[in-house]
Amino acid sequence: MRLSLASTLDFPRYDGDLWVAVQHHTDRPWNDVLALWQALDIHLTHAIAHVKKEDLGRTWRYEGEDLTLGFIIEDYIAHLRHHLKMLPRPS
């Protein structure tokens, strides 16, 4: 969302494992975590649908590399699919 408001951003490295540890996801009931993911992804889908095409080339400087907003959106979807494959399948 911030990248929709600025042409370039420079953020520190994202450490997913540390974020999970600090937020204590594993202390929450699985259904709560799943509901949170679902709500966030529904909202992100809505927000992504409203990203202006001309903003897709805006860049986030990440560890010396420039990542476009378009790439970040596509990479998030691929990353989400990776996590979905890890979920247990109902019997």
C-alpha atoms as a PDB file:
ATOM      1  CA  MET A   1       0.000   0.000   0.000  1.00  0.00           C
ATOM      2  CA  ARG A   2       2.849   2.376   0.783  1.00  0.00           C
ATOM      3  CA  LEU A   3       4.343   1.772  -2.644  1.00  0.00           C
ATOM      4  CA  SER A   4       1.096   2.959  -4.207  1.00  0.00           C
ATOM      5  CA  LEU A   5       1.755   6.326  -2.555  1.00  0.00           C
ATOM      6  CA  ALA A   6       5.454   6.781  -3.372  1.00  0.00           C
ATOM      7  CA  SER A   7       7.542   6.112  -6.459  1.00  0.00           C
ATOM      8  CA  THR A   8      10.377   4.457  -4.477  1.00  0.00           C
ATOM      9  CA  LEU A   9      10.675   3.039  -0.962  1.00  0.00           C
ATOM     10  CA  ASP A  10      13.649   1.762   0.984  1.00  0.00           C
ATOM     11  CA  PHE A  11      12.670  -0.672   3.745  1.00  0.00           C
ATOM     12  CA  PRO A  12      14.770  -2.894   5.975  1.00  0.00           C
ATOM     13  CA  ARG A  13      14.966  -6.619   5.301  1.00  0.00           C
ATOM     14  CA  TYR A  14      11.833  -8.657   6.059  1.00  0.00           C
ATOM     15  CA  ASP A  15      12.542 -11.535   8.437  1.00  0.00           C
ATOM     16  CA  GLY A  16       9.452 -13.747   8.292  1.00  0.00           C
ATOM     17  CA  ASP A  17      10.656 -16.200  10.944  1.00  0.00           C
ATOM     18  CA  LEU A  18      11.334 -13.374  13.387  1.00  0.00           C
ATOM     19  CA  TRP A  19       7.943 -11.753  12.695  1.00  0.00           C
ATOM     20  CA  VAL A  20       6.207 -15.087  13.383  1.00  0.00           C
ATOM     21  CA  ALA A  21       8.187 -15.562  16.596  1.00  0.00           C
ATOM     22  CA  VAL A  22       7.464 -12.033  17.870  1.00  0.00           C
ATOM     23  CA  GLN A  23       3.743 -12.336  17.081  1.00  0.00           C
ATOM     24  CA  HIS A  24       3.470 -15.814  18.683  1.00  0.00           C
ATOM     25  CA  HIS A  25       1.327 -17.264  15.902  1.00  0.00           C
ATOM     26  CA  THR A  26       1.947 -20.742  17.269  1.00  0.00           C
ATOM     27  CA  ASP A  27       0.210 -19.777  20.527  1.00  0.00           C
ATOM     28  CA  ARG A  28      -3.059 -19.069  18.709  1.00  0.00           C
ATOM     29  CA  PRO A  29      -5.682 -21.657  17.786  1.00  0.00           C
ATOM     30  CA  TRP A  30      -5.184 -22.824  14.200  1.00  0.00           C
ATOM     31  CA  ASN A  31      -8.677 -21.690  13.176  1.00  0.00           C
ATOM     32  CA  ASP A  32      -7.900 -18.141  14.367  1.00  0.00           C
ATOM     33  CA  VAL A  33      -4.708 -18.003  12.319  1.00  0.00           C
ATOM     34  CA  LEU A  34      -6.520 -19.404   9.284  1.00  0.00           C
ATOM     35  CA  ALA A  35      -9.338 -16.846   9.659  1.00  0.00           C
ATOM     36  CA  LEU A  36      -6.761 -14.059   9.897  1.00  0.00           C
ATOM     37  CA  TRP A  37      -5.007 -15.247   6.712  1.00  0.00           C
ATOM     38  CA  GLN A  38      -8.317 -15.496   4.915  1.00  0.00           C
ATOM     39  CA  ALA A  39      -9.441 -12.008   5.943  1.00  0.00           C
ATOM     40  CA  LEU A  40      -6.081 -10.450   5.067  1.00  0.00           C
ATOM     41  CA  ASP A  41      -5.919 -12.163   1.680  1.00  0.00           C
ATOM     42  CA  ILE A  42      -9.488 -11.176   0.818  1.00  0.00           C
ATOM     43  CA  HIS A  43      -8.578  -7.582   1.622  1.00  0.00           C
ATOM     44  CA  LEU A  44      -5.284  -7.776  -0.303  1.00  0.00           C
ATOM     45  CA  THR A  45      -7.148  -9.165  -3.320  1.00  0.00           C
ATOM     46  CA  HIS A  46      -9.483  -6.184  -3.153  1.00  0.00           C
ATOM     47  CA  ALA A  47      -6.600  -3.723  -2.771  1.00  0.00           C
ATOM     48  CA  ILE A  48      -4.582  -5.306  -5.594  1.00  0.00           C
ATOM     49  CA  ALA A  49      -7.594  -5.084  -7.893  1.00  0.00           C
ATOM     50  CA  HIS A  50      -7.473  -1.318  -7.407  1.00  0.00           C
ATOM     51  CA  VAL A  51      -3.736  -0.781  -8.017  1.00  0.00           C
ATOM     52  CA  LYS A  52      -3.267   1.554 -10.965  1.00  0.00           C
ATOM     53  CA  LYS A  53      -1.418  -0.020 -13.891  1.00  0.00           C
ATOM     54  CA  GLU A  54       0.929   2.955 -14.030  1.00  0.00           C
ATOM     55  CA  ASP A  55       1.992   2.240 -10.410  1.00  0.00           C
ATOM     56  CA  LEU A  56       3.135  -1.349 -11.094  1.00  0.00           C
ATOM     57  CA  GLY A  57       6.635  -0.127 -11.985  1.00  0.00           C
ATOM     58  CA  ARG A  58       7.196   1.660  -8.660  1.00  0.00           C
ATOM     59  CA  THR A  59      10.146   0.191  -6.804  1.00  0.00           C
ATOM     60  CA  TRP A  60      10.996  -1.058  -3.355  1.00  0.00           C
ATOM     61  CA  ARG A  61      14.712  -1.117  -2.653  1.00  0.00           C
ATOM     62  CA  TYR A  62      15.258  -4.412  -0.878  1.00  0.00           C
ATOM     63  CA  GLU A  63      18.756  -5.473   0.139  1.00  0.00           C
ATOM     64  CA  GLY A  64      20.303  -3.521  -2.747  1.00  0.00           C
ATOM     65  CA  GLU A  65      17.816  -4.800  -5.313  1.00  0.00           C
ATOM     66  CA  ASP A  66      14.928  -2.848  -6.832  1.00  0.00           C
ATOM     67  CA  LEU A  67      11.665  -4.808  -6.810  1.00  0.00           C
ATOM     68  CA  THR A  68       8.675  -3.431  -8.718  1.00  0.00           C
ATOM     69  CA  LEU A  69       5.205  -3.331  -7.232  1.00  0.00           C
ATOM     70  CA  GLY A  70       4.093  -5.625 -10.061  1.00  0.00           C
ATOM     71  CA  PHE A  71       6.756  -8.181  -9.114  1.00  0.00           C
ATOM     72  CA  ILE A  72       5.857  -7.943  -5.409  1.00  0.00           C
ATOM     73  CA  ILE A  73       2.196  -8.670  -6.188  1.00  0.00           C
ATOM     74  CA  GLU A  74       3.058 -11.654  -8.404  1.00  0.00           C
ATOM     75  CA  ASP A  75       5.617 -12.951  -5.906  1.00  0.00           C
ATOM     76  CA  TYR A  76       3.112 -12.691  -3.032  1.00  0.00           C
ATOM     77  CA  ILE A  77       0.622 -14.800  -4.973  1.00  0.00           C
ATOM     78  CA  ALA A  78       3.307 -17.410  -5.714  1.00  0.00           C
ATOM     79  CA  HIS A  79       4.389 -17.356  -2.049  1.00  0.00           C
ATOM     80  CA  LEU A  80       0.786 -17.812  -0.907  1.00  0.00           C
ATOM     81  CA  ARG A  81       0.382 -20.798  -3.246  1.00  0.00           C
ATOM     82  CA  HIS A  82       3.543 -22.284  -1.718  1.00  0.00           C
ATOM     83  CA  HIS A  83       2.001 -22.018   1.763  1.00  0.00           C
ATOM     84  CA  LEU A  84      -1.343 -23.396   0.610  1.00  0.00           C
ATOM     85  CA  LYS A  85       0.399 -26.521  -0.707  1.00  0.00           C
ATOM     86  CA  MET A  86       1.784 -27.067   2.795  1.00  0.00           C
ATOM     87  CA  LEU A  87      -1.659 -27.179   4.415  1.00  0.00           C
ATOM     88  CA  PRO A  88      -2.952 -30.605   5.373  1.00  0.00           C
ATOM     89  CA  ARG A  89      -5.613 -31.911   3.026  1.00  0.00           C
ATOM     90  CA  PRO A  90      -8.960 -32.967   4.503  1.00  0.00           C
ATOM     91  CA  SER A  91      -9.436 -36.742   4.607  1.00  0.00           C
END
